[in-house]
Amino acid sequence: MTLNSQTVHFTLRRQRTTIFLNIDEEKTILELKQLISKAIKLAPEKFKLYRENMLWLDKGLGEMKKKLKAVGYSGGSTRPDEPAILYLCFLTGYNRQGRAVYESVDVVPYSLPRQSRAAASSVISQSNKSVPK
């Protein structure tokens, strides 16, 4: 960590999994992927990272060498209570041309949508009425 660098706060999401991660803004995308790789026990080439705007963060070797700060992630742009969100997509195989194919972004929301909450609460209230006291 250099004297003036700051920590970037990330939240990684995939299906029902959430990983919180802090890394120095002077680190490269490859170093970020290596840190994630240790946490999920999967080689860096076996997964891709999507940004919030649904663009790949790690498009190629040239991108992998870029520092986080150079691609818009700095300590000033994230906080522990407002981290940058990255979506994790695993390698599913290879197409006929030999190109890697990755799964789509798949994230389960933290809470139920309003309509589902209303339906769930009515089921709970109905089941409470049927329980003898």
N, C-alpha and C. Protein backbone atom coordinates (compact mmCIF):
# COMPACT_ATOMS: atom_id res chain seq x y z
N MET A 1 0.86 -1.18 0.00
CA MET A 1 0.00 0.00 0.00
C MET A 1 0.90 1.23 0.00
N THR A 2 0.69 2.12 -0.97
CA THR A 2 1.48 3.33 -1.01
C THR A 2 0.95 4.33 0.00
N LEU A 3 1.73 5.35 0.26
CA LEU A 3 1.42 6.31 1.31
C LEU A 3 0.07 6.99 1.12
N ASN A 4 -0.27 7.37 -0.11
CA ASN A 4 -1.51 8.11 -0.35
C ASN A 4 -2.66 7.25 -0.87
N SER A 5 -2.47 5.96 -1.02
CA SER A 5 -3.55 5.12 -1.56
C SER A 5 -4.59 4.83 -0.48
N GLN A 6 -5.77 4.49 -0.94
CA GLN A 6 -6.88 4.22 -0.05
C GLN A 6 -7.44 2.84 -0.33
N THR A 7 -8.29 2.40 0.56
CA THR A 7 -8.93 1.10 0.42
C THR A 7 -10.21 1.22 -0.38
N VAL A 8 -10.40 0.27 -1.29
CA VAL A 8 -11.64 0.18 -2.06
C VAL A 8 -12.47 -0.94 -1.44
N HIS A 9 -13.75 -0.68 -1.24
CA HIS A 9 -14.66 -1.65 -0.63
C HIS A 9 -15.55 -2.24 -1.71
N PHE A 10 -15.59 -3.57 -1.79
CA PHE A 10 -16.39 -4.27 -2.77
C PHE A 10 -17.37 -5.22 -2.09
N THR A 11 -18.51 -5.41 -2.75
CA THR A 11 -19.43 -6.49 -2.42
C THR A 11 -19.53 -7.34 -3.68
N LEU A 12 -19.19 -8.61 -3.57
CA LEU A 12 -19.30 -9.55 -4.68
C LEU A 12 -20.57 -10.35 -4.50
N ARG A 13 -21.35 -10.50 -5.58
CA ARG A 13 -22.63 -11.23 -5.49
C ARG A 13 -22.67 -12.32 -6.55
N ARG A 14 -23.19 -13.47 -6.14
CA ARG A 14 -23.50 -14.57 -7.06
C ARG A 14 -24.54 -15.44 -6.38
N GLN A 15 -25.67 -15.61 -7.01
CA GLN A 15 -26.78 -16.39 -6.48
C GLN A 15 -27.06 -15.97 -5.03
N ARG A 16 -26.94 -16.85 -4.07
CA ARG A 16 -27.21 -16.51 -2.67
C ARG A 16 -25.95 -16.14 -1.89
N THR A 17 -24.84 -16.03 -2.59
CA THR A 17 -23.55 -15.75 -1.95
C THR A 17 -23.21 -14.26 -2.03
N THR A 18 -22.76 -13.73 -0.93
CA THR A 18 -22.26 -12.35 -0.86
C THR A 18 -20.91 -12.38 -0.18
N ILE A 19 -19.93 -11.76 -0.80
CA ILE A 19 -18.58 -11.67 -0.24
C ILE A 19 -18.22 -10.20 -0.12
N PHE A 20 -17.76 -9.81 1.06
CA PHE A 20 -17.30 -8.44 1.27
C PHE A 20 -15.78 -8.45 1.19
N LEU A 21 -15.24 -7.48 0.48
CA LEU A 21 -13.81 -7.48 0.18
C LEU A 21 -13.27 -6.06 0.22
N ASN A 22 -12.12 -5.90 0.83
CA ASN A 22 -11.43 -4.61 0.86
C ASN A 22 -10.06 -4.81 0.23
N ILE A 23 -9.68 -3.90 -0.66
CA ILE A 23 -8.39 -4.02 -1.35
C ILE A 23 -7.87 -2.62 -1.66
N ASP A 24 -6.57 -2.48 -1.73
CA ASP A 24 -5.92 -1.21 -2.01
C ASP A 24 -6.22 -0.77 -3.44
N GLU A 25 -6.52 0.51 -3.63
CA GLU A 25 -6.87 1.03 -4.95
C GLU A 25 -5.73 0.95 -5.95
N GLU A 26 -4.50 0.76 -5.49
CA GLU A 26 -3.34 0.65 -6.38
C GLU A 26 -3.13 -0.77 -6.91
N LYS A 27 -3.92 -1.73 -6.44
CA LYS A 27 -3.82 -3.11 -6.92
C LYS A 27 -4.46 -3.21 -8.30
N THR A 28 -4.06 -4.23 -9.04
CA THR A 28 -4.60 -4.43 -10.39
C THR A 28 -5.85 -5.31 -10.34
N ILE A 29 -6.55 -5.36 -11.47
CA ILE A 29 -7.72 -6.22 -11.57
C ILE A 29 -7.29 -7.68 -11.39
N LEU A 30 -6.12 -8.04 -11.93
CA LEU A 30 -5.63 -9.40 -11.76
C LEU A 30 -5.41 -9.71 -10.27
N GLU A 31 -4.85 -8.78 -9.53
CA GLU A 31 -4.64 -8.99 -8.09
C GLU A 31 -5.97 -9.12 -7.36
N LEU A 32 -6.97 -8.36 -7.79
CA LEU A 32 -8.32 -8.49 -7.22
C LEU A 32 -8.86 -9.89 -7.49
N LYS A 33 -8.71 -10.35 -8.74
CA LYS A 33 -9.19 -11.69 -9.08
C LYS A 33 -8.45 -12.78 -8.31
N GLN A 34 -7.17 -12.58 -8.06
CA GLN A 34 -6.40 -13.56 -7.28
C GLN A 34 -6.89 -13.61 -5.84
N LEU A 35 -7.23 -12.46 -5.29
CA LEU A 35 -7.77 -12.41 -3.93
C LEU A 35 -9.13 -13.11 -3.87
N ILE A 36 -9.98 -12.86 -4.85
CA ILE A 36 -11.28 -13.52 -4.93
C ILE A 36 -11.08 -15.03 -5.10
N SER A 37 -10.12 -15.39 -5.93
CA SER A 37 -9.82 -16.79 -6.20
C SER A 37 -9.52 -17.56 -4.91
N LYS A 38 -8.78 -16.95 -4.02
CA LYS A 38 -8.48 -17.59 -2.74
C LYS A 38 -9.75 -17.79 -1.91
N ALA A 39 -10.64 -16.83 -1.96
CA ALA A 39 -11.87 -16.90 -1.17
C ALA A 39 -12.82 -17.96 -1.69
N ILE A 40 -12.93 -18.10 -3.02
CA ILE A 40 -13.90 -19.04 -3.59
C ILE A 40 -13.27 -20.36 -4.03
N LYS A 41 -11.94 -20.44 -3.89
CA LYS A 41 -11.20 -21.66 -4.24
C LYS A 41 -11.43 -22.08 -5.70
N LEU A 42 -11.28 -21.10 -6.59
CA LEU A 42 -11.46 -21.32 -8.01
C LEU A 42 -10.44 -20.46 -8.74
N ALA A 43 -9.75 -21.00 -9.74
CA ALA A 43 -8.71 -20.26 -10.46
C ALA A 43 -9.28 -19.00 -11.10
N PRO A 44 -8.49 -17.92 -11.17
CA PRO A 44 -8.98 -16.64 -11.73
C PRO A 44 -9.53 -16.75 -13.15
N GLU A 45 -9.02 -17.66 -13.96
CA GLU A 45 -9.52 -17.80 -15.33
C GLU A 45 -10.86 -18.55 -15.39
N LYS A 46 -11.33 -19.06 -14.27
CA LYS A 46 -12.58 -19.82 -14.21
C LYS A 46 -13.79 -18.95 -13.85
N PHE A 47 -13.57 -17.65 -13.71
CA PHE A 47 -14.69 -16.74 -13.43
C PHE A 47 -14.44 -15.37 -14.02
N LYS A 48 -15.52 -14.64 -14.24
CA LYS A 48 -15.48 -13.27 -14.74
C LYS A 48 -16.16 -12.37 -13.73
N LEU A 49 -15.86 -11.09 -13.82
CA LEU A 49 -16.48 -10.10 -12.95
C LEU A 49 -17.27 -9.12 -13.80
N TYR A 50 -18.52 -8.93 -13.45
CA TYR A 50 -19.37 -7.91 -14.07
C TYR A 50 -19.41 -6.70 -13.16
N ARG A 51 -19.40 -5.54 -13.76
CA ARG A 51 -19.60 -4.31 -13.00
C ARG A 51 -21.09 -4.07 -12.84
N GLU A 52 -21.45 -3.07 -12.06
CA GLU A 52 -22.86 -2.73 -11.85
C GLU A 52 -23.56 -2.36 -13.15
N ASN A 53 -22.83 -1.78 -14.11
CA ASN A 53 -23.43 -1.41 -15.39
C ASN A 53 -23.44 -2.58 -16.38
N MET A 54 -23.17 -3.78 -15.89
CA MET A 54 -23.21 -5.03 -16.64
C MET A 54 -22.15 -5.13 -17.73
N LEU A 55 -21.04 -4.46 -17.59
CA LEU A 55 -19.91 -4.63 -18.48
C LEU A 55 -18.86 -5.49 -17.78
N TRP A 56 -18.16 -6.33 -18.56
CA TRP A 56 -17.11 -7.14 -17.98
C TRP A 56 -16.03 -6.23 -17.42
N LEU A 57 -15.54 -6.54 -16.26
CA LEU A 57 -14.44 -5.78 -15.67
C LEU A 57 -13.11 -6.32 -16.18
N ASP A 58 -13.04 -7.61 -16.40
CA ASP A 58 -11.79 -8.27 -16.76
C ASP A 58 -11.82 -8.81 -18.19
N LYS A 59 -11.89 -7.90 -19.16
CA LYS A 59 -12.08 -8.27 -20.57
C LYS A 59 -10.90 -9.01 -21.18
N GLY A 60 -9.69 -8.63 -20.84
CA GLY A 60 -8.52 -9.27 -21.45
C GLY A 60 -7.28 -8.94 -20.65
N LEU A 61 -6.15 -9.42 -21.14
CA LEU A 61 -4.90 -9.23 -20.41
C LEU A 61 -4.57 -7.76 -20.20
N GLY A 62 -4.86 -6.93 -21.20
CA GLY A 62 -4.61 -5.49 -21.06
C GLY A 62 -5.41 -4.89 -19.92
N GLU A 63 -6.66 -5.30 -19.80
CA GLU A 63 -7.52 -4.82 -18.71
C GLU A 63 -7.04 -5.35 -17.37
N MET A 64 -6.57 -6.59 -17.35
CA MET A 64 -6.17 -7.23 -16.09
C MET A 64 -4.99 -6.51 -15.44
N LYS A 65 -4.18 -5.83 -16.25
CA LYS A 65 -3.01 -5.12 -15.72
C LYS A 65 -3.34 -3.73 -15.20
N LYS A 66 -4.57 -3.27 -15.47
CA LYS A 66 -4.96 -1.93 -15.02
C LYS A 66 -5.19 -1.90 -13.53
N LYS A 67 -4.83 -0.78 -12.94
CA LYS A 67 -5.07 -0.60 -11.50
C LYS A 67 -6.55 -0.29 -11.27
N LEU A 68 -7.03 -0.67 -10.13
CA LEU A 68 -8.44 -0.43 -9.78
C LEU A 68 -8.78 1.05 -9.90
N LYS A 69 -7.87 1.88 -9.46
CA LYS A 69 -8.09 3.33 -9.51
C LYS A 69 -8.27 3.80 -10.96
N ALA A 70 -7.54 3.18 -11.89
CA ALA A 70 -7.60 3.57 -13.30
C ALA A 70 -8.92 3.17 -13.96
N VAL A 71 -9.64 2.20 -13.40
CA VAL A 71 -10.92 1.79 -13.98
C VAL A 71 -12.10 2.32 -13.17
N GLY A 72 -11.83 3.29 -12.29
CA GLY A 72 -12.92 3.98 -11.60
C GLY A 72 -13.21 3.56 -10.17
N TYR A 73 -12.39 2.66 -9.62
CA TYR A 73 -12.61 2.24 -8.23
C TYR A 73 -11.53 2.85 -7.35
N SER A 74 -11.93 3.81 -6.54
CA SER A 74 -10.98 4.45 -5.63
C SER A 74 -11.56 4.46 -4.23
N GLY A 75 -10.69 4.69 -3.28
CA GLY A 75 -11.14 4.77 -1.89
C GLY A 75 -12.15 5.87 -1.69
N GLY A 76 -12.07 6.92 -2.47
CA GLY A 76 -13.01 8.02 -2.36
C GLY A 76 -14.37 7.71 -2.96
N SER A 77 -14.45 6.71 -3.84
CA SER A 77 -15.72 6.40 -4.50
C SER A 77 -16.50 5.29 -3.78
N THR A 78 -15.87 4.63 -2.81
CA THR A 78 -16.56 3.58 -2.06
C THR A 78 -16.34 3.80 -0.57
N ARG A 79 -17.27 3.27 0.20
CA ARG A 79 -17.15 3.29 1.66
C ARG A 79 -17.60 1.93 2.17
N PRO A 80 -17.27 1.60 3.42
CA PRO A 80 -17.73 0.30 3.94
C PRO A 80 -19.24 0.14 3.88
N ASP A 81 -19.98 1.23 4.08
CA ASP A 81 -21.44 1.14 4.04
C ASP A 81 -22.02 1.38 2.64
N GLU A 82 -21.17 1.74 1.68
CA GLU A 82 -21.58 1.90 0.28
C GLU A 82 -20.50 1.34 -0.64
N PRO A 83 -20.34 0.01 -0.63
CA PRO A 83 -19.28 -0.59 -1.46
C PRO A 83 -19.68 -0.64 -2.93
N ALA A 84 -18.69 -0.80 -3.78
CA ALA A 84 -18.95 -1.06 -5.20
C ALA A 84 -19.42 -2.51 -5.32
N ILE A 85 -20.36 -2.76 -6.21
CA ILE A 85 -20.89 -4.11 -6.37
C ILE A 85 -20.31 -4.74 -7.63
N LEU A 86 -19.81 -5.96 -7.48
CA LEU A 86 -19.34 -6.75 -8.60
C LEU A 86 -20.12 -8.06 -8.61
N TYR A 87 -20.43 -8.54 -9.81
CA TYR A 87 -21.15 -9.80 -9.95
C TYR A 87 -20.19 -10.87 -10.46
N LEU A 88 -20.24 -12.00 -9.83
CA LEU A 88 -19.34 -13.11 -10.11
C LEU A 88 -20.05 -14.11 -11.03
N CYS A 89 -19.42 -14.45 -12.16
CA CYS A 89 -20.00 -15.40 -13.11
C CYS A 89 -18.97 -16.49 -13.40
N PHE A 90 -19.36 -17.74 -13.18
CA PHE A 90 -18.45 -18.87 -13.35
C PHE A 90 -18.41 -19.36 -14.80
N LEU A 91 -17.27 -19.94 -15.17
CA LEU A 91 -17.09 -20.57 -16.46
C LEU A 91 -18.00 -21.80 -16.55
N THR A 92 -18.75 -21.91 -17.65
CA THR A 92 -19.63 -23.07 -17.82
C THR A 92 -19.09 -24.05 -18.85
N GLY A 93 -18.17 -23.60 -19.68
CA GLY A 93 -17.60 -24.48 -20.71
C GLY A 93 -17.05 -23.66 -21.86
N TYR A 94 -16.94 -24.33 -23.01
CA TYR A 94 -16.38 -23.68 -24.20
C TYR A 94 -17.30 -23.93 -25.39
N ASN A 95 -17.41 -22.94 -26.28
CA ASN A 95 -18.24 -23.13 -27.47
C ASN A 95 -17.44 -23.84 -28.56
N ARG A 96 -18.04 -24.03 -29.72
CA ARG A 96 -17.38 -24.77 -30.80
C ARG A 96 -16.12 -24.10 -31.32
N GLN A 97 -16.06 -22.78 -31.17
CA GLN A 97 -14.88 -22.04 -31.61
C GLN A 97 -13.78 -22.04 -30.54
N GLY A 98 -14.06 -22.68 -29.42
CA GLY A 98 -13.06 -22.76 -28.34
C GLY A 98 -13.07 -21.57 -27.41
N ARG A 99 -14.06 -20.71 -27.53
CA ARG A 99 -14.15 -19.54 -26.65
C ARG A 99 -14.86 -19.90 -25.36
N ALA A 100 -14.41 -19.31 -24.29
CA ALA A 100 -15.00 -19.57 -22.98
C ALA A 100 -16.43 -19.02 -22.91
N VAL A 101 -17.30 -19.78 -22.26
CA VAL A 101 -18.69 -19.37 -22.06
C VAL A 101 -18.91 -19.28 -20.55
N TYR A 102 -19.45 -18.14 -20.11
CA TYR A 102 -19.68 -17.92 -18.69
C TYR A 102 -21.18 -17.83 -18.40
N GLU A 103 -21.55 -18.17 -17.19
CA GLU A 103 -22.96 -18.09 -16.81
C GLU A 103 -23.42 -16.64 -16.78
N SER A 104 -24.72 -16.43 -16.86
CA SER A 104 -25.29 -15.09 -16.77
C SER A 104 -25.26 -14.62 -15.31
N VAL A 105 -25.41 -13.33 -15.13
CA VAL A 105 -25.51 -12.81 -13.77
C VAL A 105 -26.76 -13.39 -13.13
N ASP A 106 -26.60 -13.98 -11.97
CA ASP A 106 -27.70 -14.62 -11.25
C ASP A 106 -27.55 -14.27 -9.77
N VAL A 107 -28.39 -13.37 -9.31
CA VAL A 107 -28.31 -12.91 -7.92
C VAL A 107 -29.69 -12.99 -7.28
N VAL A 108 -29.77 -13.61 -6.13
CA VAL A 108 -31.01 -13.67 -5.38
C VAL A 108 -31.10 -12.40 -4.54
N PRO A 109 -32.21 -11.67 -4.61
CA PRO A 109 -32.33 -10.43 -3.82
C PRO A 109 -32.25 -10.71 -2.32
N TYR A 110 -31.80 -9.71 -1.60
CA TYR A 110 -31.69 -9.85 -0.14
C TYR A 110 -33.05 -10.00 0.53
N SER A 111 -34.06 -9.35 -0.02
CA SER A 111 -35.39 -9.42 0.58
C SER A 111 -36.43 -9.65 -0.51
N LEU A 112 -37.61 -10.05 -0.07
CA LEU A 112 -38.69 -10.31 -1.01
C LEU A 112 -39.28 -9.01 -1.54
N PRO A 113 -39.74 -8.99 -2.79
CA PRO A 113 -40.44 -7.81 -3.30
C PRO A 113 -41.71 -7.56 -2.48
N ARG A 114 -42.23 -6.35 -2.53
CA ARG A 114 -43.39 -5.95 -1.72
C ARG A 114 -44.58 -6.90 -1.90
N GLN A 115 -44.89 -7.30 -3.14
CA GLN A 115 -46.03 -8.18 -3.38
C GLN A 115 -45.82 -9.53 -2.71
N SER A 116 -44.62 -10.06 -2.76
CA SER A 116 -44.33 -11.35 -2.13
C SER A 116 -44.42 -11.25 -0.62
N ARG A 117 -43.99 -10.12 -0.05
CA ARG A 117 -44.08 -9.93 1.40
C ARG A 117 -45.53 -9.91 1.84
N ALA A 118 -46.38 -9.23 1.06
CA ALA A 118 -47.80 -9.16 1.40
C ALA A 118 -48.42 -10.56 1.35
N ALA A 119 -48.09 -11.33 0.32
CA ALA A 119 -48.62 -12.69 0.21
C ALA A 119 -48.12 -13.56 1.35
N ALA A 120 -46.85 -13.42 1.69
CA ALA A 120 -46.27 -14.22 2.78
C ALA A 120 -46.91 -13.85 4.11
N SER A 121 -47.15 -12.56 4.35
CA SER A 121 -47.74 -12.15 5.63
C SER A 121 -49.19 -12.61 5.74
N SER A 122 -49.93 -12.66 4.61
CA SER A 122 -51.30 -13.13 4.68
C SER A 122 -51.33 -14.63 4.96
N VAL A 123 -50.40 -15.39 4.41
CA VAL A 123 -50.32 -16.82 4.69
C VAL A 123 -49.99 -17.04 6.17
N ILE A 124 -49.06 -16.25 6.69
CA ILE A 124 -48.68 -16.37 8.10
C ILE A 124 -49.86 -16.02 9.00
N SER A 125 -50.59 -14.93 8.68
CA SER A 125 -51.71 -14.55 9.54
C SER A 125 -52.82 -15.58 9.47
N GLN A 126 -53.05 -16.19 8.29
CA GLN A 126 -54.07 -17.23 8.17
C GLN A 126 -53.67 -18.48 8.95
N SER A 127 -52.38 -18.83 8.91
CA SER A 127 -51.93 -20.02 9.63
C SER A 127 -51.98 -19.78 11.15
N ASN A 128 -51.79 -18.55 11.57
CA ASN A 128 -51.89 -18.23 13.01
C ASN A 128 -53.33 -18.35 13.50
N LYS A 129 -54.30 -18.07 12.63
CA LYS A 129 -55.71 -18.17 13.02
C LYS A 129 -56.12 -19.63 13.20
N SER A 130 -55.50 -20.51 12.43
CA SER A 130 -55.92 -21.91 12.48
C SER A 130 -55.26 -22.69 13.63
N VAL A 131 -54.30 -22.06 14.30
CA VAL A 131 -53.61 -22.74 15.41
C VAL A 131 -54.46 -22.58 16.66
N PRO A 132 -54.89 -23.70 17.30
CA PRO A 132 -55.70 -23.59 18.53
C PRO A 132 -54.86 -23.06 19.68
N LYS A 133 -55.50 -22.26 20.53
CA LYS A 133 -54.79 -21.67 21.67
C LYS A 133 -55.18 -22.33 22.95
